[in-house]
PDB file of N, CA and C in Angstrom:
ATOM      1  N   MET A   1     -47.949  24.908-127.037  1.00  0.00           N
ATOM      2  CA  MET A   1     -47.464  23.718-127.694  1.00  0.00           C
ATOM      3  C   MET A   1     -46.000  23.496-127.316  1.00  0.00           C
ATOM      4  N   LYS A   2     -45.658  22.243-127.100  1.00  0.00           N
ATOM      5  CA  LYS A   2     -44.278  21.904-126.764  1.00  0.00           C
ATOM      6  C   LYS A   2     -43.674  21.049-127.870  1.00  0.00           C
ATOM      7  N   TYR A   3     -42.351  21.025-127.859  1.00  0.00           N
ATOM      8  CA  TYR A   3     -41.599  20.324-128.893  1.00  0.00           C
ATOM      9  C   TYR A   3     -40.565  19.409-128.265  1.00  0.00           C
ATOM     10  N   LEU A   4     -40.238  18.355-128.976  1.00  0.00           N
ATOM     11  CA  LEU A   4     -39.108  17.513-128.631  1.00  0.00           C
ATOM     12  C   LEU A   4     -37.932  18.008-129.462  1.00  0.00           C
ATOM     13  N   TYR A   5     -36.877  18.423-128.778  1.00  0.00           N
ATOM     14  CA  TYR A   5     -35.652  18.909-129.416  1.00  0.00           C
ATOM     15  C   TYR A   5     -34.609  17.810-129.350  1.00  0.00           C
ATOM     16  N   LEU A   6     -33.906  17.583-130.449  1.00  0.00           N
ATOM     17  CA  LEU A   6     -32.758  16.686-130.483  1.00  0.00           C
ATOM     18  C   LEU A   6     -31.535  17.556-130.699  1.00  0.00           C
ATOM     19  N   VAL A   7     -30.798  17.800-129.619  1.00  0.00           N
ATOM     20  CA  VAL A   7     -29.706  18.772-129.606  1.00  0.00           C
ATOM     21  C   VAL A   7     -28.366  18.048-129.636  1.00  0.00           C
ATOM     22  N   ASP A   8     -27.513  18.418-130.599  1.00  0.00           N
ATOM     23  CA  ASP A   8     -26.152  17.880-130.656  1.00  0.00           C
ATOM     24  C   ASP A   8     -25.337  18.427-129.498  1.00  0.00           C
ATOM     25  N   TYR A   9     -24.499  17.558-128.933  1.00  0.00           N
ATOM     26  CA  TYR A   9     -23.635  17.958-127.818  1.00  0.00           C
ATOM     27  C   TYR A   9     -22.673  19.056-128.268  1.00  0.00           C
ATOM     28  N   TRP A  10     -22.410  20.007-127.405  1.00  0.00           N
ATOM     29  CA  TRP A  10     -21.677  21.220-127.761  1.00  0.00           C
ATOM     30  C   TRP A  10     -20.205  21.217-127.368  1.00  0.00           C
ATOM     31  N   ILE A  11     -19.751  20.205-126.651  1.00  0.00           N
ATOM     32  CA  ILE A  11     -18.346  20.185-126.237  1.00  0.00           C
ATOM     33  C   ILE A  11     -17.527  19.477-127.317  1.00  0.00           C
ATOM     34  N   PRO A  12     -16.522  20.158-127.870  1.00  0.00           N
ATOM     35  CA  PRO A  12     -15.774  19.612-129.005  1.00  0.00           C
ATOM     36  C   PRO A  12     -14.740  18.567-128.598  1.00  0.00           C
ATOM     37  N   PHE A  13     -14.250  17.849-129.597  1.00  0.00           N
ATOM     38  CA  PHE A  13     -13.136  16.920-129.440  1.00  0.00           C
ATOM     39  C   PHE A  13     -11.911  17.710-128.999  1.00  0.00           C
ATOM     40  N   PRO A  14     -11.064  17.277-128.132  1.00  0.00           N
ATOM     41  CA  PRO A  14     -10.964  15.949-127.528  1.00  0.00           C
ATOM     42  C   PRO A  14     -11.679  15.825-126.191  1.00  0.00           C
ATOM     43  N   SER A  15     -12.230  16.908-125.667  1.00  0.00           N
ATOM     44  CA  SER A  15     -12.948  16.804-124.382  1.00  0.00           C
ATOM     45  C   SER A  15     -14.121  15.843-124.494  1.00  0.00           C
ATOM     46  N   SER A  16     -14.805  15.882-125.600  1.00  0.00           N
ATOM     47  CA  SER A  16     -15.868  14.938-125.893  1.00  0.00           C
ATOM     48  C   SER A  16     -15.430  14.173-127.137  1.00  0.00           C
ATOM     49  N   GLU A  17     -14.992  12.953-126.945  1.00  0.00           N
ATOM     50  CA  GLU A  17     -14.349  12.235-128.042  1.00  0.00           C
ATOM     51  C   GLU A  17     -15.261  12.039-129.249  1.00  0.00           C
ATOM     52  N   TYR A  18     -16.504  11.681-129.033  1.00  0.00           N
ATOM     53  CA  TYR A  18     -17.396  11.416-130.150  1.00  0.00           C
ATOM     54  C   TYR A  18     -18.616  12.328-130.188  1.00  0.00           C
ATOM     55  N   GLY A  19     -18.838  13.135-129.171  1.00  0.00           N
ATOM     56  CA  GLY A  19     -19.998  14.024-129.162  1.00  0.00           C
ATOM     57  C   GLY A  19     -21.135  13.450-128.368  1.00  0.00           C
ATOM     58  N   GLY A  20     -22.326  13.611-128.886  1.00  0.00           N
ATOM     59  CA  GLY A  20     -23.501  13.102-128.202  1.00  0.00           C
ATOM     60  C   GLY A  20     -24.745  13.817-128.662  1.00  0.00           C
ATOM     61  N   ILE A  21     -25.854  13.457-128.043  1.00  0.00           N
ATOM     62  CA  ILE A  21     -27.144  14.055-128.373  1.00  0.00           C
ATOM     63  C   ILE A  21     -27.999  14.092-127.114  1.00  0.00           C
ATOM     64  N   MET A  22     -28.789  15.155-126.988  1.00  0.00           N
ATOM     65  CA  MET A  22     -29.708  15.301-125.877  1.00  0.00           C
ATOM     66  C   MET A  22     -31.132  15.424-126.416  1.00  0.00           C
ATOM     67  N   SER A  23     -32.071  14.801-125.725  1.00  0.00           N
ATOM     68  CA  SER A  23     -33.498  14.926-126.036  1.00  0.00           C
ATOM     69  C   SER A  23     -34.127  15.777-124.947  1.00  0.00           C
ATOM     70  N   ILE A  24     -34.742  16.885-125.353  1.00  0.00           N
ATOM     71  CA  ILE A  24     -35.316  17.827-124.393  1.00  0.00           C
ATOM     72  C   ILE A  24     -36.714  18.205-124.850  1.00  0.00           C
ATOM     73  N   ILE A  25     -37.639  18.307-123.910  1.00  0.00           N
ATOM     74  CA  ILE A  25     -38.982  18.806-124.207  1.00  0.00           C
ATOM     75  C   ILE A  25     -39.065  20.232-123.695  1.00  0.00           C
ATOM     76  N   GLY A  26     -39.513  21.141-124.575  1.00  0.00           N
ATOM     77  CA  GLY A  26     -39.656  22.534-124.187  1.00  0.00           C
ATOM     78  C   GLY A  26     -40.555  23.298-125.138  1.00  0.00           C
ATOM     79  N   GLU A  27     -40.954  24.492-124.702  1.00  0.00           N
ATOM     80  CA  GLU A  27     -41.853  25.332-125.504  1.00  0.00           C
ATOM     81  C   GLU A  27     -41.133  26.075-126.619  1.00  0.00           C
ATOM     82  N   ASP A  28     -39.893  26.491-126.357  1.00  0.00           N
ATOM     83  CA  ASP A  28     -39.166  27.282-127.350  1.00  0.00           C
ATOM     84  C   ASP A  28     -37.662  27.167-127.098  1.00  0.00           C
ATOM     85  N   ASP A  29     -36.895  27.782-127.990  1.00  0.00           N
ATOM     86  CA  ASP A  29     -35.437  27.697-127.905  1.00  0.00           C
ATOM     87  C   ASP A  29     -34.905  28.210-126.573  1.00  0.00           C
ATOM     88  N   ASN A  30     -35.476  29.293-126.069  1.00  0.00           N
ATOM     89  CA  ASN A  30     -34.981  29.874-124.811  1.00  0.00           C
ATOM     90  C   ASN A  30     -35.199  28.938-123.621  1.00  0.00           C
ATOM     91  N   GLU A  31     -36.353  28.309-123.569  1.00  0.00           N
ATOM     92  CA  GLU A  31     -36.614  27.387-122.463  1.00  0.00           C
ATOM     93  C   GLU A  31     -35.674  26.180-122.537  1.00  0.00           C
ATOM     94  N   VAL A  32     -35.473  25.644-123.724  1.00  0.00           N
ATOM     95  CA  VAL A  32     -34.582  24.501-123.884  1.00  0.00           C
ATOM     96  C   VAL A  32     -33.151  24.892-123.512  1.00  0.00           C
ATOM     97  N   HIS A  33     -32.730  26.063-123.919  1.00  0.00           N
ATOM     98  CA  HIS A  33     -31.401  26.564-123.551  1.00  0.00           C
ATOM     99  C   HIS A  33     -31.241  26.610-122.031  1.00  0.00           C
ATOM    100  N   ASP A  34     -32.247  27.151-121.341  1.00  0.00           N
ATOM    101  CA  ASP A  34     -32.192  27.244-119.878  1.00  0.00           C
ATOM    102  C   ASP A  34     -32.160  25.861-119.222  1.00  0.00           C
ATOM    103  N   LEU A  35     -32.929  24.917-119.761  1.00  0.00           N
ATOM    104  CA  LEU A  35     -32.914  23.559-119.220  1.00  0.00           C
ATOM    105  C   LEU A  35     -31.526  22.937-119.375  1.00  0.00           C
ATOM    106  N   LEU A  36     -30.879  23.179-120.496  1.00  0.00           N
ATOM    107  CA  LEU A  36     -29.550  22.627-120.712  1.00  0.00           C
ATOM    108  C   LEU A  36     -28.501  23.300-119.834  1.00  0.00           C
ATOM    109  N   LEU A  37     -28.660  24.588-119.578  1.00  0.00           N
ATOM    110  CA  LEU A  37     -27.738  25.250-118.653  1.00  0.00           C
ATOM    111  C   LEU A  37     -27.853  24.659-117.254  1.00  0.00           C
ATOM    112  N   ASP A  38     -29.069  24.324-116.845  1.00  0.00           N
ATOM    113  CA  ASP A  38     -29.275  23.689-115.540  1.00  0.00           C
ATOM    114  C   ASP A  38     -28.741  22.258-115.519  1.00  0.00           C
ATOM    115  N   TRP A  39     -28.774  21.586-116.658  1.00  0.00           N
ATOM    116  CA  TRP A  39     -28.352  20.187-116.741  1.00  0.00           C
ATOM    117  C   TRP A  39     -26.838  20.022-116.688  1.00  0.00           C
ATOM    118  N   ARG A  40     -26.109  20.873-117.402  1.00  0.00           N
ATOM    119  CA  ARG A  40     -24.659  20.704-117.522  1.00  0.00           C
ATOM    120  C   ARG A  40     -23.981  20.962-116.187  1.00  0.00           C
ATOM    121  N   ASP A  41     -22.843  20.338-116.002  1.00  0.00           N
ATOM    122  CA  ASP A  41     -22.102  20.554-114.765  1.00  0.00           C
ATOM    123  C   ASP A  41     -21.184  21.773-114.900  1.00  0.00           C
ATOM    124  N   GLU A  42     -20.669  22.236-113.815  1.00  0.00           N
ATOM    125  CA  GLU A  42     -19.848  23.451-113.805  1.00  0.00           C
ATOM    126  C   GLU A  42     -18.570  23.300-114.632  1.00  0.00           C
ATOM    127  N   TYR A  43     -18.043  22.095-114.701  1.00  0.00           N
ATOM    128  CA  TYR A  43     -16.824  21.869-115.477  1.00  0.00           C
ATOM    129  C   TYR A  43     -17.014  22.259-116.941  1.00  0.00           C
ATOM    130  N   ASN A  44     -18.203  22.014-117.468  1.00  0.00           N
ATOM    131  CA  ASN A  44     -18.480  22.269-118.876  1.00  0.00           C
ATOM    132  C   ASN A  44     -18.948  23.693-119.155  1.00  0.00           C
ATOM    133  N   SER A  45     -18.946  24.557-118.163  1.00  0.00           N
ATOM    134  CA  SER A  45     -19.484  25.904-118.344  1.00  0.00           C
ATOM    135  C   SER A  45     -18.677  26.735-119.336  1.00  0.00           C
ATOM    136  N   GLU A  46     -17.440  26.362-119.619  1.00  0.00           N
ATOM    137  CA  GLU A  46     -16.642  27.132-120.572  1.00  0.00           C
ATOM    138  C   GLU A  46     -17.213  27.068-121.992  1.00  0.00           C
ATOM    139  N   TYR A  47     -18.110  26.131-122.251  1.00  0.00           N
ATOM    140  CA  TYR A  47     -18.705  25.985-123.580  1.00  0.00           C
ATOM    141  C   TYR A  47     -20.147  26.506-123.652  1.00  0.00           C
ATOM    142  N   ASP A  48     -20.594  27.216-122.623  1.00  0.00           N
ATOM    143  CA  ASP A  48     -21.978  27.698-122.585  1.00  0.00           C
ATOM    144  C   ASP A  48     -22.369  28.517-123.815  1.00  0.00           C
ATOM    145  N   SER A  49     -21.438  29.250-124.373  1.00  0.00           N
ATOM    146  CA  SER A  49     -21.760  30.087-125.533  1.00  0.00           C
ATOM    147  C   SER A  49     -22.146  29.256-126.760  1.00  0.00           C
ATOM    148  N   ARG A  50     -21.848  27.973-126.774  1.00  0.00           N
ATOM    149  CA  ARG A  50     -22.176  27.115-127.912  1.00  0.00           C
ATOM    150  C   ARG A  50     -23.543  26.453-127.788  1.00  0.00           C
ATOM    151  N   ILE A  51     -24.135  26.484-126.601  1.00  0.00           N
ATOM    152  CA  ILE A  51     -25.385  25.765-126.370  1.00  0.00           C
ATOM    153  C   ILE A  51     -26.518  26.338-127.206  1.00  0.00           C
ATOM    154  N   MET A  52     -26.709  27.655-127.208  1.00  0.00           N
ATOM    155  CA  MET A  52     -27.835  28.238-127.942  1.00  0.00           C
ATOM    156  C   MET A  52     -27.740  27.945-129.436  1.00  0.00           C
ATOM    157  N   GLU A  53     -26.545  27.990-129.986  1.00  0.00           N
ATOM    158  CA  GLU A  53     -26.366  27.659-131.408  1.00  0.00           C
ATOM    159  C   GLU A  53     -26.871  26.254-131.697  1.00  0.00           C
ATOM    160  N   ARG A  54     -26.535  25.321-130.827  1.00  0.00           N
ATOM    161  CA  ARG A  54     -26.964  23.932-131.020  1.00  0.00           C
ATOM    162  C   ARG A  54     -28.470  23.783-130.853  1.00  0.00           C
ATOM    163  N   VAL A  55     -29.066  24.542-129.919  1.00  0.00           N
ATOM    164  CA  VAL A  55     -30.518  24.496-129.720  1.00  0.00           C
ATOM    165  C   VAL A  55     -31.234  25.031-130.956  1.00  0.00           C
ATOM    166  N   VAL A  56     -30.794  26.167-131.467  1.00  0.00           N
ATOM    167  CA  VAL A  56     -31.430  26.781-132.640  1.00  0.00           C
ATOM    168  C   VAL A  56     -31.361  25.842-133.845  1.00  0.00           C
ATOM    169  N   ASN A  57     -30.259  25.111-133.993  1.00  0.00           N
ATOM    170  CA  ASN A  57     -30.070  24.219-135.140  1.00  0.00           C
ATOM    171  C   ASN A  57     -30.592  22.804-134.906  1.00  0.00           C
ATOM    172  N   ALA A  58     -31.188  22.552-133.757  1.00  0.00           N
ATOM    173  CA  ALA A  58     -31.674  21.209-133.419  1.00  0.00           C
ATOM    174  C   ALA A  58     -32.882  20.823-134.265  1.00  0.00           C
ATOM    175  N   GLN A  59     -33.053  19.513-134.430  1.00  0.00           N
ATOM    176  CA  GLN A  59     -34.298  19.015-135.005  1.00  0.00           C
ATOM    177  C   GLN A  59     -35.381  19.198-133.964  1.00  0.00           C
ATOM    178  N   LYS A  60     -36.561  19.633-134.402  1.00  0.00           N
ATOM    179  CA  LYS A  60     -37.671  19.897-133.487  1.00  0.00           C
ATOM    180  C   LYS A  60     -38.916  19.169-133.988  1.00  0.00           C
ATOM    181  N   PHE A  61     -39.609  18.514-133.061  1.00  0.00           N
ATOM    182  CA  PHE A  61     -40.798  17.757-133.401  1.00  0.00           C
ATOM    183  C   PHE A  61     -41.934  18.179-132.475  1.00  0.00           C
ATOM    184  N   ALA A  62     -43.058  18.603-133.058  1.00  0.00           N
ATOM    185  CA  ALA A  62     -44.225  19.009-132.268  1.00  0.00           C
ATOM    186  C   ALA A  62     -44.795  17.796-131.546  1.00  0.00           C
ATOM    187  N   LEU A  63     -45.177  17.985-130.286  1.00  0.00           N
ATOM    188  CA  LEU A  63     -45.760  16.911-129.494  1.00  0.00           C
ATOM    189  C   LEU A  63     -47.282  16.942-129.607  1.00  0.00           C
ATOM    190  N   ALA A  64     -47.872  15.769-129.693  1.00  0.00           N
ATOM    191  CA  ALA A  64     -49.323  15.662-129.815  1.00  0.00           C
ATOM    192  C   ALA A  64     -50.014  15.742-128.458  1.00  0.00           C
ATOM    193  N   THR A  65     -49.290  15.449-127.386  1.00  0.00           N
ATOM    194  CA  THR A  65     -49.866  15.498-126.041  1.00  0.00           C
ATOM    195  C   THR A  65     -49.079  16.475-125.183  1.00  0.00           C
ATOM    196  N   GLU A  66     -49.689  16.921-124.105  1.00  0.00           N
ATOM    197  CA  GLU A  66     -49.021  17.856-123.192  1.00  0.00           C
ATOM    198  C   GLU A  66     -48.012  17.103-122.332  1.00  0.00           C
ATOM    199  N   GLU A  67     -46.807  17.629-122.260  1.00  0.00           N
ATOM    200  CA  GLU A  67     -45.724  17.033-121.477  1.00  0.00           C
ATOM    201  C   GLU A  67     -45.057  18.124-120.653  1.00  0.00           C
ATOM    202  N   ASP A  68     -44.438  17.729-119.547  1.00  0.00           N
ATOM    203  CA  ASP A  68     -43.652  18.666-118.757  1.00  0.00           C
ATOM    204  C   ASP A  68     -42.351  18.968-119.479  1.00  0.00           C
ATOM    205  N   SER A  69     -41.894  20.210-119.374  1.00  0.00           N
ATOM    206  CA  SER A  69     -40.605  20.589-119.940  1.00  0.00           C
ATOM    207  C   SER A  69     -39.512  19.930-119.107  1.00  0.00           C
ATOM    208  N   ARG A  70     -38.539  19.302-119.806  1.00  0.00           N
ATOM    209  CA  ARG A  70     -37.485  18.591-119.079  1.00  0.00           C
ATOM    210  C   ARG A  70     -36.443  18.048-120.052  1.00  0.00           C
ATOM    211  N   VAL A  71     -35.293  17.698-119.502  1.00  0.00           N
ATOM    212  CA  VAL A  71     -34.305  16.930-120.234  1.00  0.00           C
ATOM    213  C   VAL A  71     -34.761  15.484-120.148  1.00  0.00           C
ATOM    214  N   VAL A  72     -35.068  14.893-121.283  1.00  0.00           N
ATOM    215  CA  VAL A  72     -35.622  13.544-121.317  1.00  0.00           C
ATOM    216  C   VAL A  72     -34.523  12.502-121.265  1.00  0.00           C
ATOM    217  N   ASN A  73     -33.499  12.689-122.103  1.00  0.00           N
ATOM    218  CA  ASN A  73     -32.455  11.690-122.217  1.00  0.00           C
ATOM    219  C   ASN A  73     -31.188  12.355-122.726  1.00  0.00           C
ATOM    220  N   THR A  74     -30.044  11.856-122.301  1.00  0.00           N
ATOM    221  CA  THR A  74     -28.767  12.365-122.791  1.00  0.00           C
ATOM    222  C   THR A  74     -27.839  11.203-123.097  1.00  0.00           C
ATOM    223  N   PHE A  75     -27.070  11.358-124.155  1.00  0.00           N
ATOM    224  CA  PHE A  75     -26.016  10.419-124.472  1.00  0.00           C
ATOM    225  C   PHE A  75     -24.813  11.245-124.894  1.00  0.00           C
ATOM    226  N   THR A  76     -23.773  11.245-124.081  1.00  0.00           N
ATOM    227  CA  THR A  76     -22.564  11.989-124.396  1.00  0.00           C
ATOM    228  C   THR A  76     -21.349  11.117-124.122  1.00  0.00           C
ATOM    229  N   THR A  77     -20.250  11.439-124.813  1.00  0.00           N
ATOM    230  CA  THR A  77     -19.022  10.689-124.610  1.00  0.00           C
ATOM    231  C   THR A  77     -17.924  11.625-124.154  1.00  0.00           C
TER     232      THR A  77
END
């Protein structure tokens, strides 16, 4: 079973003025964490330690159909 995760952006103000949210499909917290590590650019790697916390605390919704694991959408500032 896969889930849709709504993950709050992990880079704090002032680097990210207002934050953001990412929509990711994955089987579990570890897979979503890995997808986000692949998604972020090298500049933001200094905040990697905050990603798992945000994944664990994300809203999660079970999917009724089978979907590929992926970053679906991102909105960050």
